[in-house]
Amino acid sequence: MKKLWLTIAGLWAASIVYFLVYVNSAALQTAVNQSTGLSWLHGVMDILLLGGGFALIARGVYKIFHR
């Protein structure tokens, strides 16, 4: 079970790095706007950012109240 949460945290961290690069790179923004594949990657990273963040917060709240 610990490997699952490490994987979720790793993917969430990767999505944060992706969005930091995306925000600061006009070339990447242009490439994402012009490429279907990169648009899909952007969407997947968005889901990882939101879903991973939610999962990690929910796990933290669960651990706080179930000790």
PDB file of N, CA and C in Angstrom:
ATOM      1  N   MET A   1       0.820  -1.189   0.000  1.00  0.00           N
ATOM      2  CA  MET A   1       0.000   0.000   0.000  1.00  0.00           C
ATOM      3  C   MET A   1       0.868   1.259   0.000  1.00  0.00           C
ATOM      4  N   LYS A   2       2.029   1.149   0.640  1.00  0.00           N
ATOM      5  CA  LYS A   2       2.915   2.299   0.708  1.00  0.00           C
ATOM      6  C   LYS A   2       3.433   2.677  -0.684  1.00  0.00           C
ATOM      7  N   LYS A   3       3.667   1.669  -1.536  1.00  0.00           N
ATOM      8  CA  LYS A   3       4.141   1.935  -2.893  1.00  0.00           C
ATOM      9  C   LYS A   3       3.088   2.692  -3.703  1.00  0.00           C
ATOM     10  N   LEU A   4       1.818   2.387  -3.472  1.00  0.00           N
ATOM     11  CA  LEU A   4       0.738   3.087  -4.165  1.00  0.00           C
ATOM     12  C   LEU A   4       0.773   4.573  -3.846  1.00  0.00           C
ATOM     13  N   TRP A   5       0.903   4.896  -2.561  1.00  0.00           N
ATOM     14  CA  TRP A   5       0.909   6.309  -2.173  1.00  0.00           C
ATOM     15  C   TRP A   5       2.176   7.014  -2.622  1.00  0.00           C
ATOM     16  N   LEU A   6       3.282   6.296  -2.661  1.00  0.00           N
ATOM     17  CA  LEU A   6       4.510   6.889  -3.199  1.00  0.00           C
ATOM     18  C   LEU A   6       4.364   7.171  -4.690  1.00  0.00           C
ATOM     19  N   THR A   7       3.701   6.270  -5.404  1.00  0.00           N
ATOM     20  CA  THR A   7       3.456   6.472  -6.830  1.00  0.00           C
ATOM     21  C   THR A   7       2.540   7.670  -7.053  1.00  0.00           C
ATOM     22  N   ILE A   8       1.468   7.758  -6.269  1.00  0.00           N
ATOM     23  CA  ILE A   8       0.553   8.894  -6.392  1.00  0.00           C
ATOM     24  C   ILE A   8       1.285  10.197  -6.093  1.00  0.00           C
ATOM     25  N   ALA A   9       2.079  10.214  -5.036  1.00  0.00           N
ATOM     26  CA  ALA A   9       2.828  11.426  -4.682  1.00  0.00           C
ATOM     27  C   ALA A   9       3.852  11.779  -5.763  1.00  0.00           C
ATOM     28  N   GLY A  10       4.497  10.775  -6.340  1.00  0.00           N
ATOM     29  CA  GLY A  10       5.467  11.018  -7.402  1.00  0.00           C
ATOM     30  C   GLY A  10       4.822  11.583  -8.654  1.00  0.00           C
ATOM     31  N   LEU A  11       3.687  11.028  -9.057  1.00  0.00           N
ATOM     32  CA  LEU A  11       2.969  11.536 -10.225  1.00  0.00           C
ATOM     33  C   LEU A  11       2.446  12.951  -9.979  1.00  0.00           C
ATOM     34  N   TRP A  12       1.988  13.202  -8.762  1.00  0.00           N
ATOM     35  CA  TRP A  12       1.506  14.537  -8.403  1.00  0.00           C
ATOM     36  C   TRP A  12       2.650  15.550  -8.466  1.00  0.00           C
ATOM     37  N   ALA A  13       3.820  15.171  -7.949  1.00  0.00           N
ATOM     38  CA  ALA A  13       4.991  16.049  -8.004  1.00  0.00           C
ATOM     39  C   ALA A  13       5.428  16.288  -9.452  1.00  0.00           C
ATOM     40  N   ALA A  14       5.358  15.260 -10.286  1.00  0.00           N
ATOM     41  CA  ALA A  14       5.714  15.414 -11.701  1.00  0.00           C
ATOM     42  C   ALA A  14       4.762  16.385 -12.392  1.00  0.00           C
ATOM     43  N   SER A  15       3.486  16.342 -12.033  1.00  0.00           N
ATOM     44  CA  SER A  15       2.533  17.266 -12.646  1.00  0.00           C
ATOM     45  C   SER A  15       2.791  18.699 -12.188  1.00  0.00           C
ATOM     46  N   ILE A  16       3.222  18.875 -10.958  1.00  0.00           N
ATOM     47  CA  ILE A  16       3.574  20.219 -10.484  1.00  0.00           C
ATOM     48  C   ILE A  16       4.762  20.755 -11.273  1.00  0.00           C
ATOM     49  N   VAL A  17       5.767  19.924 -11.464  1.00  0.00           N
ATOM     50  CA  VAL A  17       6.951  20.337 -12.241  1.00  0.00           C
ATOM     51  C   VAL A  17       6.529  20.674 -13.671  1.00  0.00           C
ATOM     52  N   TYR A  18       5.680  19.836 -14.266  1.00  0.00           N
ATOM     53  CA  TYR A  18       5.213  20.101 -15.627  1.00  0.00           C
ATOM     54  C   TYR A  18       4.545  21.474 -15.712  1.00  0.00           C
ATOM     55  N   PHE A  19       3.641  21.767 -14.790  1.00  0.00           N
ATOM     56  CA  PHE A  19       2.922  23.034 -14.862  1.00  0.00           C
ATOM     57  C   PHE A  19       3.814  24.229 -14.555  1.00  0.00           C
ATOM     58  N   LEU A  20       4.818  24.058 -13.715  1.00  0.00           N
ATOM     59  CA  LEU A  20       5.771  25.143 -13.500  1.00  0.00           C
ATOM     60  C   LEU A  20       6.549  25.446 -14.782  1.00  0.00           C
ATOM     61  N   VAL A  21       6.939  24.401 -15.489  1.00  0.00           N
ATOM     62  CA  VAL A  21       7.635  24.593 -16.766  1.00  0.00           C
ATOM     63  C   VAL A  21       6.676  25.179 -17.794  1.00  0.00           C
ATOM     64  N   TYR A  22       5.451  24.686 -17.834  1.00  0.00           N
ATOM     65  CA  TYR A  22       4.458  25.158 -18.805  1.00  0.00           C
ATOM     66  C   TYR A  22       4.171  26.648 -18.628  1.00  0.00           C
ATOM     67  N   VAL A  23       3.998  27.075 -17.399  1.00  0.00           N
ATOM     68  CA  VAL A  23       3.676  28.475 -17.132  1.00  0.00           C
ATOM     69  C   VAL A  23       4.826  29.396 -17.541  1.00  0.00           C
ATOM     70  N   ASN A  24       6.046  28.930 -17.399  1.00  0.00           N
ATOM     71  CA  ASN A  24       7.211  29.771 -17.660  1.00  0.00           C
ATOM     72  C   ASN A  24       7.804  29.601 -19.054  1.00  0.00           C
ATOM     73  N   SER A  25       7.171  28.815 -19.916  1.00  0.00           N
ATOM     74  CA  SER A  25       7.726  28.561 -21.238  1.00  0.00           C
ATOM     75  C   SER A  25       6.692  28.871 -22.322  1.00  0.00           C
ATOM     76  N   ALA A  26       6.915  29.975 -23.000  1.00  0.00           N
ATOM     77  CA  ALA A  26       6.006  30.344 -24.092  1.00  0.00           C
ATOM     78  C   ALA A  26       6.061  29.309 -25.219  1.00  0.00           C
ATOM     79  N   ALA A  27       7.233  28.732 -25.448  1.00  0.00           N
ATOM     80  CA  ALA A  27       7.372  27.727 -26.506  1.00  0.00           C
ATOM     81  C   ALA A  27       6.532  26.490 -26.193  1.00  0.00           C
ATOM     82  N   LEU A  28       6.538  26.058 -24.948  1.00  0.00           N
ATOM     83  CA  LEU A  28       5.733  24.886 -24.570  1.00  0.00           C
ATOM     84  C   LEU A  28       4.247  25.209 -24.672  1.00  0.00           C
ATOM     85  N   GLN A  29       3.848  26.397 -24.271  1.00  0.00           N
ATOM     86  CA  GLN A  29       2.444  26.790 -24.386  1.00  0.00           C
ATOM     87  C   GLN A  29       1.991  26.768 -25.842  1.00  0.00           C
ATOM     88  N   THR A  30       2.814  27.294 -26.721  1.00  0.00           N
ATOM     89  CA  THR A  30       2.495  27.289 -28.149  1.00  0.00           C
ATOM     90  C   THR A  30       2.424  25.862 -28.675  1.00  0.00           C
ATOM     91  N   ALA A  31       3.372  25.027 -28.270  1.00  0.00           N
ATOM     92  CA  ALA A  31       3.383  23.633 -28.726  1.00  0.00           C
ATOM     93  C   ALA A  31       2.134  22.892 -28.256  1.00  0.00           C
ATOM     94  N   VAL A  32       1.717  23.122 -27.028  1.00  0.00           N
ATOM     95  CA  VAL A  32       0.512  22.470 -26.501  1.00  0.00           C
ATOM     96  C   VAL A  32      -0.719  22.942 -27.259  1.00  0.00           C
ATOM     97  N   ASN A  33      -0.764  24.229 -27.589  1.00  0.00           N
ATOM     98  CA  ASN A  33      -1.916  24.761 -28.322  1.00  0.00           C
ATOM     99  C   ASN A  33      -1.993  24.222 -29.745  1.00  0.00           C
ATOM    100  N   GLN A  34      -0.879  23.826 -30.333  1.00  0.00           N
ATOM    101  CA  GLN A  34      -0.861  23.391 -31.719  1.00  0.00           C
ATOM    102  C   GLN A  34      -0.844  21.875 -31.900  1.00  0.00           C
ATOM    103  N   SER A  35      -0.627  21.119 -30.838  1.00  0.00           N
ATOM    104  CA  SER A  35      -0.469  19.670 -30.973  1.00  0.00           C
ATOM    105  C   SER A  35      -1.561  18.930 -30.197  1.00  0.00           C
ATOM    106  N   THR A  36      -2.211  18.005 -30.867  1.00  0.00           N
ATOM    107  CA  THR A  36      -3.248  17.204 -30.214  1.00  0.00           C
ATOM    108  C   THR A  36      -2.643  16.306 -29.131  1.00  0.00           C
ATOM    109  N   GLY A  37      -1.512  15.686 -29.433  1.00  0.00           N
ATOM    110  CA  GLY A  37      -0.867  14.796 -28.463  1.00  0.00           C
ATOM    111  C   GLY A  37      -0.435  15.534 -27.207  1.00  0.00           C
ATOM    112  N   LEU A  38       0.154  16.718 -27.392  1.00  0.00           N
ATOM    113  CA  LEU A  38       0.568  17.495 -26.223  1.00  0.00           C
ATOM    114  C   LEU A  38      -0.642  18.031 -25.461  1.00  0.00           C
ATOM    115  N   SER A  39      -1.730  18.286 -26.157  1.00  0.00           N
ATOM    116  CA  SER A  39      -2.959  18.706 -25.476  1.00  0.00           C
ATOM    117  C   SER A  39      -3.484  17.586 -24.582  1.00  0.00           C
ATOM    118  N   TRP A  40      -3.403  16.349 -25.089  1.00  0.00           N
ATOM    119  CA  TRP A  40      -3.812  15.196 -24.274  1.00  0.00           C
ATOM    120  C   TRP A  40      -2.900  15.047 -23.065  1.00  0.00           C
ATOM    121  N   LEU A  41      -1.600  15.208 -23.269  1.00  0.00           N
ATOM    122  CA  LEU A  41      -0.652  15.137 -22.159  1.00  0.00           C
ATOM    123  C   LEU A  41      -0.970  16.210 -21.121  1.00  0.00           C
ATOM    124  N   HIS A  42      -1.287  17.410 -21.595  1.00  0.00           N
ATOM    125  CA  HIS A  42      -1.637  18.506 -20.703  1.00  0.00           C
ATOM    126  C   HIS A  42      -2.884  18.149 -19.882  1.00  0.00           C
ATOM    127  N   GLY A  43      -3.870  17.544 -20.534  1.00  0.00           N
ATOM    128  CA  GLY A  43      -5.082  17.128 -19.834  1.00  0.00           C
ATOM    129  C   GLY A  43      -4.810  16.060 -18.793  1.00  0.00           C
ATOM    130  N   VAL A  44      -3.958  15.094 -19.134  1.00  0.00           N
ATOM    131  CA  VAL A  44      -3.596  14.036 -18.180  1.00  0.00           C
ATOM    132  C   VAL A  44      -2.863  14.639 -16.987  1.00  0.00           C
ATOM    133  N   MET A  45      -1.954  15.564 -17.249  1.00  0.00           N
ATOM    134  CA  MET A  45      -1.228  16.206 -16.154  1.00  0.00           C
ATOM    135  C   MET A  45      -2.174  17.001 -15.266  1.00  0.00           C
ATOM    136  N   ASP A  46      -3.185  17.615 -15.858  1.00  0.00           N
ATOM    137  CA  ASP A  46      -4.175  18.354 -15.083  1.00  0.00           C
ATOM    138  C   ASP A  46      -4.957  17.420 -14.170  1.00  0.00           C
ATOM    139  N   ILE A  47      -5.353  16.268 -14.705  1.00  0.00           N
ATOM    140  CA  ILE A  47      -6.076  15.279 -13.892  1.00  0.00           C
ATOM    141  C   ILE A  47      -5.185  14.766 -12.764  1.00  0.00           C
ATOM    142  N   LEU A  48      -3.903  14.531 -13.065  1.00  0.00           N
ATOM    143  CA  LEU A  48      -2.969  14.078 -12.029  1.00  0.00           C
ATOM    144  C   LEU A  48      -2.791  15.135 -10.946  1.00  0.00           C
ATOM    145  N   LEU A  49      -2.722  16.397 -11.354  1.00  0.00           N
ATOM    146  CA  LEU A  49      -2.552  17.471 -10.380  1.00  0.00           C
ATOM    147  C   LEU A  49      -3.763  17.562  -9.459  1.00  0.00           C
ATOM    148  N   LEU A  50      -4.939  17.604 -10.033  1.00  0.00           N
ATOM    149  CA  LEU A  50      -6.153  17.740  -9.225  1.00  0.00           C
ATOM    150  C   LEU A  50      -6.477  16.458  -8.462  1.00  0.00           C
ATOM    151  N   GLY A  51      -6.464  15.327  -9.163  1.00  0.00           N
ATOM    152  CA  GLY A  51      -6.800  14.057  -8.519  1.00  0.00           C
ATOM    153  C   GLY A  51      -5.774  13.637  -7.488  1.00  0.00           C
ATOM    154  N   GLY A  52      -4.496  13.802  -7.821  1.00  0.00           N
ATOM    155  CA  GLY A  52      -3.440  13.449  -6.880  1.00  0.00           C
ATOM    156  C   GLY A  52      -3.465  14.317  -5.641  1.00  0.00           C
ATOM    157  N   GLY A  53      -3.678  15.607  -5.843  1.00  0.00           N
ATOM    158  CA  GLY A  53      -3.781  16.515  -4.695  1.00  0.00           C
ATOM    159  C   GLY A  53      -4.950  16.146  -3.803  1.00  0.00           C
ATOM    160  N   PHE A  54      -6.098  15.869  -4.425  1.00  0.00           N
ATOM    161  CA  PHE A  54      -7.269  15.468  -3.650  1.00  0.00           C
ATOM    162  C   PHE A  54      -7.016  14.169  -2.892  1.00  0.00           C
ATOM    163  N   ALA A  55      -6.408  13.194  -3.564  1.00  0.00           N
ATOM    164  CA  ALA A  55      -6.144  11.898  -2.929  1.00  0.00           C
ATOM    165  C   ALA A  55      -5.190  12.047  -1.751  1.00  0.00           C
ATOM    166  N   LEU A  56      -4.146  12.844  -1.918  1.00  0.00           N
ATOM    167  CA  LEU A  56      -3.182  13.023  -0.834  1.00  0.00           C
ATOM    168  C   LEU A  56      -3.794  13.773   0.349  1.00  0.00           C
ATOM    169  N   ILE A  57      -4.622  14.768   0.060  1.00  0.00           N
ATOM    170  CA  ILE A  57      -5.309  15.492   1.140  1.00  0.00           C
ATOM    171  C   ILE A  57      -6.289  14.571   1.852  1.00  0.00           C
ATOM    172  N   ALA A  58      -7.061  13.797   1.084  1.00  0.00           N
ATOM    173  CA  ALA A  58      -8.026  12.868   1.686  1.00  0.00           C
ATOM    174  C   ALA A  58      -7.317  11.829   2.548  1.00  0.00           C
ATOM    175  N   ARG A  59      -6.175  11.331   2.083  1.00  0.00           N
ATOM    176  CA  ARG A  59      -5.404  10.362   2.865  1.00  0.00           C
ATOM    177  C   ARG A  59      -4.903  10.992   4.160  1.00  0.00           C
ATOM    178  N   GLY A  60      -4.436  12.238   4.073  1.00  0.00           N
ATOM    179  CA  GLY A  60      -3.961  12.926   5.273  1.00  0.00           C
ATOM    180  C   GLY A  60      -5.070  13.134   6.292  1.00  0.00           C
ATOM    181  N   VAL A  61      -6.245  13.538   5.820  1.00  0.00           N
ATOM    182  CA  VAL A  61      -7.384  13.732   6.724  1.00  0.00           C
ATOM    183  C   VAL A  61      -7.792  12.400   7.333  1.00  0.00           C
ATOM    184  N   TYR A  62      -7.806  11.344   6.526  1.00  0.00           N
ATOM    185  CA  TYR A  62      -8.150  10.017   7.026  1.00  0.00           C
ATOM    186  C   TYR A  62      -7.177   9.585   8.122  1.00  0.00           C
ATOM    187  N   LYS A  63      -5.892   9.799   7.896  1.00  0.00           N
ATOM    188  CA  LYS A  63      -4.886   9.391   8.891  1.00  0.00           C
ATOM    189  C   LYS A  63      -5.037  10.192  10.178  1.00  0.00           C
ATOM    190  N   ILE A  64      -5.393  11.466  10.073  1.00  0.00           N
ATOM    191  CA  ILE A  64      -5.557  12.296  11.268  1.00  0.00           C
ATOM    192  C   ILE A  64      -6.710  11.785  12.131  1.00  0.00           C
ATOM    193  N   PHE A  65      -7.828  11.440  11.494  1.00  0.00           N
ATOM    194  CA  PHE A  65      -9.015  11.053  12.253  1.00  0.00           C
ATOM    195  C   PHE A  65      -9.127   9.578  12.571  1.00  0.00           C
ATOM    196  N   HIS A  66      -8.240   8.748  12.048  1.00  0.00           N
ATOM    197  CA  HIS A  66      -8.314   7.316  12.308  1.00  0.00           C
ATOM    198  C   HIS A  66      -7.054   6.770  12.961  1.00  0.00           C
ATOM    199  N   ARG A  67      -6.517   7.507  13.865  1.00  0.00           N
ATOM    200  CA  ARG A  67      -5.348   7.040  14.626  1.00  0.00           C
ATOM    201  C   ARG A  67      -5.768   6.506  15.958  1.00  0.00           C
TER     202      ARG A  67
END
